[in-house]
Protein backbone atom coordinates (compact mmCIF):
# COMPACT_ATOMS: atom_id res chain seq x y z
CA MET A 1 -38.55 -17.93 -23.49
CA SER A 2 -38.52 -15.50 -20.68
CA ASN A 3 -37.29 -16.72 -17.14
CA PRO A 4 -36.77 -14.31 -14.25
CA ALA A 5 -33.73 -15.92 -13.21
CA ILE A 6 -31.98 -15.95 -16.58
CA ASN A 7 -33.23 -12.23 -16.95
CA ILE A 8 -31.14 -11.52 -13.56
CA TYR A 9 -28.17 -13.48 -15.00
CA LYS A 10 -28.22 -11.34 -17.93
CA GLN A 11 -27.57 -8.17 -15.81
CA ARG A 12 -24.09 -9.70 -14.53
CA ARG A 13 -21.26 -8.21 -16.33
CA SER A 14 -17.77 -7.38 -15.57
CA GLN A 15 -17.74 -3.56 -14.61
CA TYR A 16 -14.34 -1.91 -14.06
CA ALA A 17 -15.40 1.55 -13.97
CA ILE A 18 -16.79 1.64 -10.41
CA GLY A 19 -17.45 4.54 -7.86
CA LYS A 20 -18.60 4.92 -4.22
CA ASN A 21 -22.34 6.04 -5.02
CA ILE A 22 -24.06 2.74 -4.72
CA SER A 23 -27.96 2.66 -4.58
CA ILE A 24 -27.99 0.98 -1.08
CA GLY A 25 -26.25 1.64 2.22
CA GLN A 26 -23.37 -0.21 3.67
CA THR A 27 -25.47 -2.17 6.12
CA ASP A 28 -27.76 -3.27 3.26
CA ALA A 29 -24.88 -4.37 1.05
CA THR A 30 -23.30 -6.36 3.85
CA SER A 31 -26.85 -8.07 4.34
CA LEU A 32 -27.08 -8.66 0.65
CA ILE A 33 -23.54 -10.43 0.36
CA LYS A 34 -23.98 -12.39 3.23
CA GLU A 35 -27.39 -13.68 2.15
CA ALA A 36 -25.97 -14.49 -1.30
CA VAL A 37 -23.10 -16.58 0.12
CA LYS A 38 -25.54 -18.34 2.44
CA GLN A 39 -27.75 -19.35 -0.07
CA ALA A 40 -25.22 -20.62 -2.55
CA PRO A 41 -25.37 -24.49 -2.41
CA THR A 42 -22.18 -26.66 -1.45
CA ALA A 43 -21.64 -30.36 -1.94
CA PHE A 44 -22.63 -32.49 1.38
CA ASN A 45 -24.00 -28.98 2.51
CA SER A 46 -20.26 -28.24 3.61
CA GLN A 47 -20.89 -24.41 3.73
CA SER A 48 -17.18 -23.93 3.34
CA SER A 49 -17.14 -20.53 1.73
CA ARG A 50 -15.94 -17.57 3.58
CA ALA A 51 -16.18 -13.83 2.97
CA VAL A 52 -14.45 -10.80 4.17
CA ILE A 53 -16.36 -7.66 3.35
CA LEU A 54 -14.30 -4.44 3.12
CA PHE A 55 -15.50 -0.79 3.14
CA ASN A 56 -14.23 2.69 3.36
CA GLU A 57 -10.47 2.77 4.52
CA GLN A 58 -10.39 -1.03 4.94
CA ASN A 59 -11.07 -1.29 1.26
CA ASP A 60 -8.32 1.38 0.48
CA LYS A 61 -5.94 -0.59 2.69
CA PHE A 62 -6.57 -3.88 0.77
CA TRP A 63 -5.90 -2.43 -2.67
CA GLN A 64 -3.00 -0.47 -1.28
CA LEU A 65 -1.55 -3.82 -0.26
CA VAL A 66 -2.21 -5.07 -3.84
CA LEU A 67 -0.47 -2.37 -5.46
CA ASP A 68 2.55 -2.49 -3.00
CA THR A 69 2.91 -6.08 -3.69
CA LEU A 70 2.67 -5.70 -7.38
CA ARG A 71 5.22 -2.79 -7.36
CA ALA A 72 7.90 -5.25 -5.86
CA ILE A 73 7.55 -7.49 -8.72
CA VAL A 74 6.34 -5.57 -11.86
CA PRO A 75 9.13 -3.67 -13.59
CA ALA A 76 8.99 -0.01 -13.07
CA GLU A 77 8.92 1.30 -16.72
CA SER A 78 5.75 -0.70 -17.13
CA PHE A 79 3.90 -0.14 -13.85
CA ALA A 80 1.77 2.63 -14.78
CA PRO A 81 -1.02 0.52 -16.41
CA THR A 82 -0.93 -1.96 -13.37
CA GLU A 83 -1.45 1.16 -11.06
CA GLN A 84 -4.24 2.59 -13.13
CA LYS A 85 -6.00 -0.57 -12.76
CA ILE A 86 -5.64 -1.24 -9.21
CA ASN A 87 -6.62 2.50 -8.58
CA SER A 88 -10.04 1.54 -10.62
CA PHE A 89 -10.88 -1.09 -7.99
CA SER A 90 -10.18 1.10 -4.90
CA ALA A 91 -12.27 3.63 -6.30
CA GLY A 92 -15.35 1.45 -5.57
CA ALA A 93 -17.73 1.24 -2.47
CA GLY A 94 -16.10 -2.10 -1.26
CA THR A 95 -14.44 -5.37 -2.04
CA VAL A 96 -15.46 -8.85 -1.16
CA LEU A 97 -12.70 -11.37 -0.19
CA PHE A 98 -13.83 -15.02 -1.10
CA PHE A 99 -12.21 -17.94 0.90
CA GLU A 100 -12.76 -21.35 1.38
CA ASP A 101 -12.21 -23.08 4.66
CA GLN A 102 -9.69 -25.87 4.53
CA ASP A 103 -10.46 -27.34 7.80
CA VAL A 104 -14.13 -28.05 6.46
CA VAL A 105 -12.42 -29.61 3.63
CA LYS A 106 -10.12 -31.95 5.68
CA GLY A 107 -13.00 -32.73 8.09
CA LEU A 108 -15.13 -34.13 5.15
CA GLN A 109 -12.16 -36.09 3.60
CA GLU A 110 -11.82 -37.70 7.03
CA LYS A 111 -15.50 -38.24 7.49
CA PHE A 112 -16.05 -39.70 3.97
CA PRO A 113 -12.75 -41.23 2.69
CA LEU A 114 -14.37 -42.74 -0.29
CA TYR A 115 -14.72 -39.19 -1.64
CA ALA A 116 -11.72 -37.82 -0.34
CA ASP A 117 -10.06 -37.00 -3.33
CA ASN A 118 -13.12 -35.02 -4.57
CA PHE A 119 -13.63 -32.51 -1.86
CA PRO A 120 -11.05 -30.02 -2.84
CA ALA A 121 -12.56 -29.66 -6.31
CA TRP A 122 -16.12 -29.44 -4.78
CA SER A 123 -14.64 -26.63 -2.65
CA GLU A 124 -13.59 -24.77 -5.67
CA HIS A 125 -17.33 -25.31 -7.00
CA ALA A 126 -18.43 -23.91 -3.76
CA THR A 127 -16.48 -20.56 -4.10
CA GLY A 128 -17.56 -20.20 -7.72
CA ILE A 129 -21.20 -20.58 -6.86
CA ALA A 130 -20.84 -18.34 -4.01
CA GLN A 131 -18.99 -15.64 -6.28
CA PHE A 132 -21.57 -16.08 -8.89
CA ALA A 133 -24.52 -15.74 -6.33
CA VAL A 134 -22.95 -12.42 -4.74
CA TRP A 135 -21.95 -10.92 -8.35
CA THR A 136 -25.69 -11.50 -9.58
CA ALA A 137 -27.16 -10.01 -6.30
CA LEU A 138 -25.18 -7.03 -6.78
CA ALA A 139 -25.95 -6.71 -10.23
CA GLU A 140 -29.87 -6.94 -9.51
CA ALA A 141 -28.98 -4.22 -7.11
CA ASP A 142 -27.52 -2.13 -9.84
CA ILE A 143 -24.19 -2.24 -8.37
CA GLY A 144 -21.24 -2.88 -10.67
CA ALA A 145 -18.47 -5.57 -9.89
CA SER A 146 -15.69 -7.72 -11.32
CA LEU A 147 -13.87 -10.66 -10.24
CA GLN A 148 -9.95 -10.57 -9.70
CA HIS A 149 -7.26 -12.94 -8.74
CA TYR A 150 -4.37 -11.36 -6.85
CA ASN A 151 -3.91 -14.47 -5.02
CA PRO A 152 -1.71 -16.14 -3.99
CA ILE A 153 1.06 -13.14 -4.03
CA ILE A 154 -1.09 -11.24 -1.53
CA ASP A 155 -2.13 -14.14 0.69
CA ASP A 156 0.56 -13.46 3.50
CA ALA A 157 -0.06 -10.03 3.61
CA VAL A 158 -4.04 -10.40 3.74
CA PHE A 159 -3.74 -12.82 6.54
CA GLU A 160 -1.45 -10.76 8.68
CA THR A 161 -3.54 -7.44 8.07
CA TRP A 162 -6.89 -8.80 9.02
CA ASP A 163 -5.81 -11.62 11.40
CA LEU A 164 -7.65 -14.42 9.56
CA PRO A 165 -8.04 -18.28 10.52
CA ALA A 166 -4.97 -19.98 9.10
CA SER A 167 -7.23 -22.45 7.62
CA TRP A 168 -9.04 -20.03 5.11
CA LYS A 169 -7.57 -20.11 1.62
CA LEU A 170 -8.19 -16.93 -0.46
CA ARG A 171 -9.65 -17.69 -3.73
CA ALA A 172 -10.76 -14.45 -5.32
CA GLN A 173 -11.42 -10.70 -4.93
CA MET A 174 -14.73 -8.74 -6.00
CA PRO A 175 -14.38 -5.04 -6.13
CA PHE A 176 -17.94 -3.25 -6.24
CA GLY A 177 -19.35 0.04 -6.64
CA SER A 178 -21.59 2.22 -8.48
CA HIS A 179 -21.60 2.14 -12.30
CA GLU A 180 -19.35 4.96 -13.74
CA ALA A 181 -19.63 3.85 -17.27
CA PRO A 182 -21.87 1.86 -19.64
CA LEU A 183 -21.44 -1.84 -19.46
CA GLY A 184 -19.95 -3.44 -22.54
CA GLU A 185 -22.07 -6.04 -24.59
CA LYS A 186 -21.50 -9.85 -23.75
CA THR A 187 -20.13 -12.04 -26.64
CA PHE A 188 -20.68 -15.79 -26.72
CA MET A 189 -18.95 -18.60 -28.76
CA ASP A 190 -21.34 -20.62 -30.93
CA ASP A 191 -23.79 -23.17 -29.11
CA GLU A 192 -22.64 -25.83 -31.62
CA GLU A 193 -19.15 -25.66 -30.17
CA ARG A 194 -20.44 -25.59 -26.60
CA PHE A 195 -23.49 -27.90 -26.31
CA ARG A 196 -24.65 -31.46 -27.30
CA ILE A 197 -28.20 -32.34 -26.75
CA PHE A 198 -29.61 -36.02 -26.87
CA ALA A 199 -33.07 -36.64 -26.77
C-alpha cells in the first residue's frame, strides 16, 4: 500500500551529522516550523505547545550553554565524547526548543475538573505530536534533525538567557541542519510483539 503521508513519515530519521547549508532560508524555515506546530492537534484544542527557534549566534549560545552545564557535572576524563556530541548539534543551522505552557494546563484543569488529572498527560501528548510534526516537515524539506533532552539541567539557564515566561516548561530540543552524512537504516521490532488486531 502506498500512502503519501506514510511516505513522508518514512523520510524522518535521526540525523546527527548536520551542517548549516539547508535548502531553504531562515524565513522559510521559521514559517515551516511555526505552521507545523500550529497544525499539530491538541486535546480540547488547548494549543499548549510553545516553540523557541534559534539561529546563528543564538543557536551557538544555546549549545555552549548546554556544554558549560554538562562540563560542570561530567567527569573531565570522560568529557571528550560529550563535547564532540554537543559540537555536532551546534554545527547545524538552528535548534527548536519545545515547551508546554503550564498556565494553559492549569486553566483547563480548573475549567474541566472531571478531567483534571489527565491534562498534564495530554500536554505531553501535545508536545510529542508537535515535535513529530516539525521533524517530519523538516525531513520533507530535506533538512536533517534529531530530538534531544537536556532538560531539566539546562532549564534555569535557558529561561534566564532568553527571558521566557515562567509558565513554559521545556520538554525537548531539536537541532536541525543540512545532511552531512547518509542516514542510517530504520529497524523495527516484530509486528507480532507490537500489534493486536481483532476483526
